[in-house]
Amino acid sequence: MTSAGAIALAHGIPMKVIPAQVLNLKITYPGDMELFKLLCNNYFFGGNREN
């Protein structure tokens, strides 16, 4: 299983989707880190700061 949701579904455990404004970015590949840096830069610094 690759996630808690997959385990719950496999065992018939009910789940709910809860709307939220939370960024849940999984960093697996080098490109993911670049995306994370851009998102953080824009969120925390308004995009006006280099790395």
PDB file of N, CA and C in Angstrom:
ATOM      1  N   MET A   1       0.845  -1.174   0.000  1.00  0.00           N
ATOM      2  CA  MET A   1       0.000   0.000   0.000  1.00  0.00           C
ATOM      3  C   MET A   1       0.898   1.247   0.000  1.00  0.00           C
ATOM      4  N   THR A   2       0.436   2.259  -0.689  1.00  0.00           N
ATOM      5  CA  THR A   2       1.241   3.477  -0.803  1.00  0.00           C
ATOM      6  C   THR A   2       0.718   4.645   0.011  1.00  0.00           C
ATOM      7  N   SER A   3      -0.432   4.485   0.661  1.00  0.00           N
ATOM      8  CA  SER A   3      -0.956   5.589   1.455  1.00  0.00           C
ATOM      9  C   SER A   3      -1.904   5.070   2.523  1.00  0.00           C
ATOM     10  N   ALA A   4      -2.140   5.905   3.521  1.00  0.00           N
ATOM     11  CA  ALA A   4      -3.097   5.553   4.568  1.00  0.00           C
ATOM     12  C   ALA A   4      -4.494   5.396   3.971  1.00  0.00           C
ATOM     13  N   GLY A   5      -4.816   6.217   2.960  1.00  0.00           N
ATOM     14  CA  GLY A   5      -6.117   6.116   2.312  1.00  0.00           C
ATOM     15  C   GLY A   5      -6.295   4.779   1.615  1.00  0.00           C
ATOM     16  N   ALA A   6      -5.258   4.288   0.960  1.00  0.00           N
ATOM     17  CA  ALA A   6      -5.332   2.993   0.287  1.00  0.00           C
ATOM     18  C   ALA A   6      -5.545   1.869   1.294  1.00  0.00           C
ATOM     19  N   ILE A   7      -4.892   1.956   2.429  1.00  0.00           N
ATOM     20  CA  ILE A   7      -5.061   0.941   3.475  1.00  0.00           C
ATOM     21  C   ILE A   7      -6.486   0.962   4.003  1.00  0.00           C
ATOM     22  N   ALA A   8      -7.015   2.158   4.265  1.00  0.00           N
ATOM     23  CA  ALA A   8      -8.388   2.281   4.768  1.00  0.00           C
ATOM     24  C   ALA A   8      -9.379   1.706   3.770  1.00  0.00           C
ATOM     25  N   LEU A   9      -9.228   2.057   2.504  1.00  0.00           N
ATOM     26  CA  LEU A   9     -10.142   1.542   1.486  1.00  0.00           C
ATOM     27  C   LEU A   9     -10.067   0.023   1.377  1.00  0.00           C
ATOM     28  N   ALA A  10      -8.876  -0.520   1.435  1.00  0.00           N
ATOM     29  CA  ALA A  10      -8.703  -1.970   1.331  1.00  0.00           C
ATOM     30  C   ALA A  10      -9.372  -2.715   2.477  1.00  0.00           C
ATOM     31  N   HIS A  11      -9.530  -2.051   3.622  1.00  0.00           N
ATOM     32  CA  HIS A  11     -10.123  -2.684   4.796  1.00  0.00           C
ATOM     33  C   HIS A  11     -11.537  -2.190   5.088  1.00  0.00           C
ATOM     34  N   GLY A  12     -12.122  -1.472   4.138  1.00  0.00           N
ATOM     35  CA  GLY A  12     -13.496  -1.022   4.292  1.00  0.00           C
ATOM     36  C   GLY A  12     -13.692   0.046   5.354  1.00  0.00           C
ATOM     37  N   ILE A  13     -12.651   0.758   5.694  1.00  0.00           N
ATOM     38  CA  ILE A  13     -12.745   1.816   6.700  1.00  0.00           C
ATOM     39  C   ILE A  13     -13.231   3.090   6.003  1.00  0.00           C
ATOM     40  N   PRO A  14     -14.342   3.675   6.475  1.00  0.00           N
ATOM     41  CA  PRO A  14     -14.855   4.880   5.809  1.00  0.00           C
ATOM     42  C   PRO A  14     -13.925   6.072   5.993  1.00  0.00           C
ATOM     43  N   MET A  15     -13.893   6.913   4.959  1.00  0.00           N
ATOM     44  CA  MET A  15     -13.076   8.124   5.007  1.00  0.00           C
ATOM     45  C   MET A  15     -13.937   9.315   4.612  1.00  0.00           C
ATOM     46  N   LYS A  16     -13.500  10.505   4.992  1.00  0.00           N
ATOM     47  CA  LYS A  16     -14.146  11.747   4.604  1.00  0.00           C
ATOM     48  C   LYS A  16     -13.095  12.665   3.991  1.00  0.00           C
ATOM     49  N   VAL A  17     -13.523  13.452   3.031  1.00  0.00           N
ATOM     50  CA  VAL A  17     -12.661  14.479   2.466  1.00  0.00           C
ATOM     51  C   VAL A  17     -12.964  15.773   3.199  1.00  0.00           C
ATOM     52  N   ILE A  18     -11.951  16.365   3.768  1.00  0.00           N
ATOM     53  CA  ILE A  18     -12.092  17.606   4.521  1.00  0.00           C
ATOM     54  C   ILE A  18     -11.427  18.723   3.714  1.00  0.00           C
ATOM     55  N   PRO A  19     -12.222  19.679   3.219  1.00  0.00           N
ATOM     56  CA  PRO A  19     -11.621  20.783   2.454  1.00  0.00           C
ATOM     57  C   PRO A  19     -10.706  21.625   3.351  1.00  0.00           C
ATOM     58  N   ALA A  20      -9.558  21.970   2.830  1.00  0.00           N
ATOM     59  CA  ALA A  20      -8.612  22.787   3.581  1.00  0.00           C
ATOM     60  C   ALA A  20      -7.682  23.493   2.609  1.00  0.00           C
ATOM     61  N   GLN A  21      -7.057  24.539   3.063  1.00  0.00           N
ATOM     62  CA  GLN A  21      -6.067  25.241   2.256  1.00  0.00           C
ATOM     63  C   GLN A  21      -4.675  24.897   2.764  1.00  0.00           C
ATOM     64  N   VAL A  22      -4.345  23.642   2.693  1.00  0.00           N
ATOM     65  CA  VAL A  22      -3.055  23.162   3.169  1.00  0.00           C
ATOM     66  C   VAL A  22      -2.284  22.613   1.978  1.00  0.00           C
ATOM     67  N   LEU A  23      -1.068  23.052   1.819  1.00  0.00           N
ATOM     68  CA  LEU A  23      -0.215  22.536   0.767  1.00  0.00           C
ATOM     69  C   LEU A  23       0.437  21.252   1.267  1.00  0.00           C
ATOM     70  N   ASN A  24       0.158  20.161   0.593  1.00  0.00           N
ATOM     71  CA  ASN A  24       0.712  18.879   0.983  1.00  0.00           C
ATOM     72  C   ASN A  24       1.556  18.368  -0.176  1.00  0.00           C
ATOM     73  N   LEU A  25       2.744  18.902  -0.292  1.00  0.00           N
ATOM     74  CA  LEU A  25       3.629  18.578  -1.401  1.00  0.00           C
ATOM     75  C   LEU A  25       4.629  17.518  -0.964  1.00  0.00           C
ATOM     76  N   LYS A  26       4.667  16.433  -1.709  1.00  0.00           N
ATOM     77  CA  LYS A  26       5.616  15.369  -1.421  1.00  0.00           C
ATOM     78  C   LYS A  26       6.850  15.584  -2.297  1.00  0.00           C
ATOM     79  N   ILE A  27       7.996  15.682  -1.678  1.00  0.00           N
ATOM     80  CA  ILE A  27       9.232  15.896  -2.426  1.00  0.00           C
ATOM     81  C   ILE A  27       9.903  14.544  -2.643  1.00  0.00           C
ATOM     82  N   THR A  28       9.862  14.094  -3.902  1.00  0.00           N
ATOM     83  CA  THR A  28      10.416  12.798  -4.261  1.00  0.00           C
ATOM     84  C   THR A  28      11.540  12.932  -5.283  1.00  0.00           C
ATOM     85  N   TYR A  29      11.344  13.840  -6.223  1.00  0.00           N
ATOM     86  CA  TYR A  29      12.285  14.011  -7.324  1.00  0.00           C
ATOM     87  C   TYR A  29      12.876  15.420  -7.284  1.00  0.00           C
ATOM     88  N   PRO A  30      14.019  15.637  -7.926  1.00  0.00           N
ATOM     89  CA  PRO A  30      14.634  16.969  -7.915  1.00  0.00           C
ATOM     90  C   PRO A  30      13.680  18.072  -8.388  1.00  0.00           C
ATOM     91  N   GLY A  31      12.853  17.791  -9.374  1.00  0.00           N
ATOM     92  CA  GLY A  31      11.892  18.779  -9.854  1.00  0.00           C
ATOM     93  C   GLY A  31      10.880  19.172  -8.791  1.00  0.00           C
ATOM     94  N   ASP A  32      10.557  18.233  -7.892  1.00  0.00           N
ATOM     95  CA  ASP A  32       9.635  18.524  -6.791  1.00  0.00           C
ATOM     96  C   ASP A  32      10.230  19.571  -5.859  1.00  0.00           C
ATOM     97  N   MET A  33      11.529  19.514  -5.625  1.00  0.00           N
ATOM     98  CA  MET A  33      12.191  20.478  -4.752  1.00  0.00           C
ATOM     99  C   MET A  33      12.173  21.861  -5.390  1.00  0.00           C
ATOM    100  N   GLU A  34      12.353  21.921  -6.701  1.00  0.00           N
ATOM    101  CA  GLU A  34      12.309  23.206  -7.396  1.00  0.00           C
ATOM    102  C   GLU A  34      10.909  23.814  -7.297  1.00  0.00           C
ATOM    103  N   LEU A  35       9.879  22.983  -7.445  1.00  0.00           N
ATOM    104  CA  LEU A  35       8.506  23.463  -7.295  1.00  0.00           C
ATOM    105  C   LEU A  35       8.265  23.959  -5.876  1.00  0.00           C
ATOM    106  N   PHE A  36       8.755  23.210  -4.882  1.00  0.00           N
ATOM    107  CA  PHE A  36       8.620  23.607  -3.485  1.00  0.00           C
ATOM    108  C   PHE A  36       9.256  24.970  -3.232  1.00  0.00           C
ATOM    109  N   LYS A  37      10.452  25.173  -3.767  1.00  0.00           N
ATOM    110  CA  LYS A  37      11.150  26.452  -3.589  1.00  0.00           C
ATOM    111  C   LYS A  37      10.347  27.597  -4.191  1.00  0.00           C
ATOM    112  N   LEU A  38       9.803  27.382  -5.390  1.00  0.00           N
ATOM    113  CA  LEU A  38       9.006  28.427  -6.035  1.00  0.00           C
ATOM    114  C   LEU A  38       7.748  28.729  -5.229  1.00  0.00           C
ATOM    115  N   LEU A  39       7.067  27.697  -4.776  1.00  0.00           N
ATOM    116  CA  LEU A  39       5.851  27.899  -3.996  1.00  0.00           C
ATOM    117  C   LEU A  39       6.136  28.635  -2.688  1.00  0.00           C
ATOM    118  N   CYS A  40       7.190  28.233  -1.998  1.00  0.00           N
ATOM    119  CA  CYS A  40       7.545  28.885  -0.732  1.00  0.00           C
ATOM    120  C   CYS A  40       7.961  30.323  -0.966  1.00  0.00           C
ATOM    121  N   ASN A  41       8.742  30.552  -1.999  1.00  0.00           N
ATOM    122  CA  ASN A  41       9.176  31.909  -2.313  1.00  0.00           C
ATOM    123  C   ASN A  41       7.964  32.804  -2.566  1.00  0.00           C
ATOM    124  N   ASN A  42       7.025  32.315  -3.356  1.00  0.00           N
ATOM    125  CA  ASN A  42       5.830  33.109  -3.658  1.00  0.00           C
ATOM    126  C   ASN A  42       4.946  33.288  -2.427  1.00  0.00           C
ATOM    127  N   TYR A  43       4.817  32.271  -1.619  1.00  0.00           N
ATOM    128  CA  TYR A  43       3.936  32.337  -0.446  1.00  0.00           C
ATOM    129  C   TYR A  43       4.503  33.241   0.648  1.00  0.00           C
ATOM    130  N   PHE A  44       5.767  33.025   0.992  1.00  0.00           N
ATOM    131  CA  PHE A  44       6.360  33.745   2.115  1.00  0.00           C
ATOM    132  C   PHE A  44       6.953  35.099   1.751  1.00  0.00           C
ATOM    133  N   PHE A  45       7.417  35.233   0.497  1.00  0.00           N
ATOM    134  CA  PHE A  45       8.139  36.451   0.137  1.00  0.00           C
ATOM    135  C   PHE A  45       7.519  37.174  -1.050  1.00  0.00           C
ATOM    136  N   GLY A  46       6.343  36.770  -1.461  1.00  0.00           N
ATOM    137  CA  GLY A  46       5.689  37.438  -2.576  1.00  0.00           C
ATOM    138  C   GLY A  46       6.405  37.285  -3.899  1.00  0.00           C
ATOM    139  N   GLY A  47       7.294  36.300  -3.987  1.00  0.00           N
ATOM    140  CA  GLY A  47       8.015  36.050  -5.230  1.00  0.00           C
ATOM    141  C   GLY A  47       9.136  37.016  -5.504  1.00  0.00           C
ATOM    142  N   ASN A  48       9.492  37.858  -4.534  1.00  0.00           N
ATOM    143  CA  ASN A  48      10.507  38.891  -4.752  1.00  0.00           C
ATOM    144  C   ASN A  48      11.874  38.532  -4.194  1.00  0.00           C
ATOM    145  N   ARG A  49      12.091  37.282  -3.898  1.00  0.00           N
ATOM    146  CA  ARG A  49      13.370  36.904  -3.281  1.00  0.00           C
ATOM    147  C   ARG A  49      13.952  35.726  -4.052  1.00  0.00           C
ATOM    148  N   GLU A  50      15.242  35.754  -4.265  1.00  0.00           N
ATOM    149  CA  GLU A  50      15.934  34.650  -4.920  1.00  0.00           C
ATOM    150  C   GLU A  50      16.184  33.549  -3.900  1.00  0.00           C
ATOM    151  N   ASN A  51      16.028  32.275  -4.322  1.00  0.00           N
ATOM    152  CA  ASN A  51      16.267  31.077  -3.479  1.00  0.00           C
ATOM    153  C   ASN A  51      16.480  31.482  -2.073  1.00  0.00           C
TER     154      ASN A  51
END
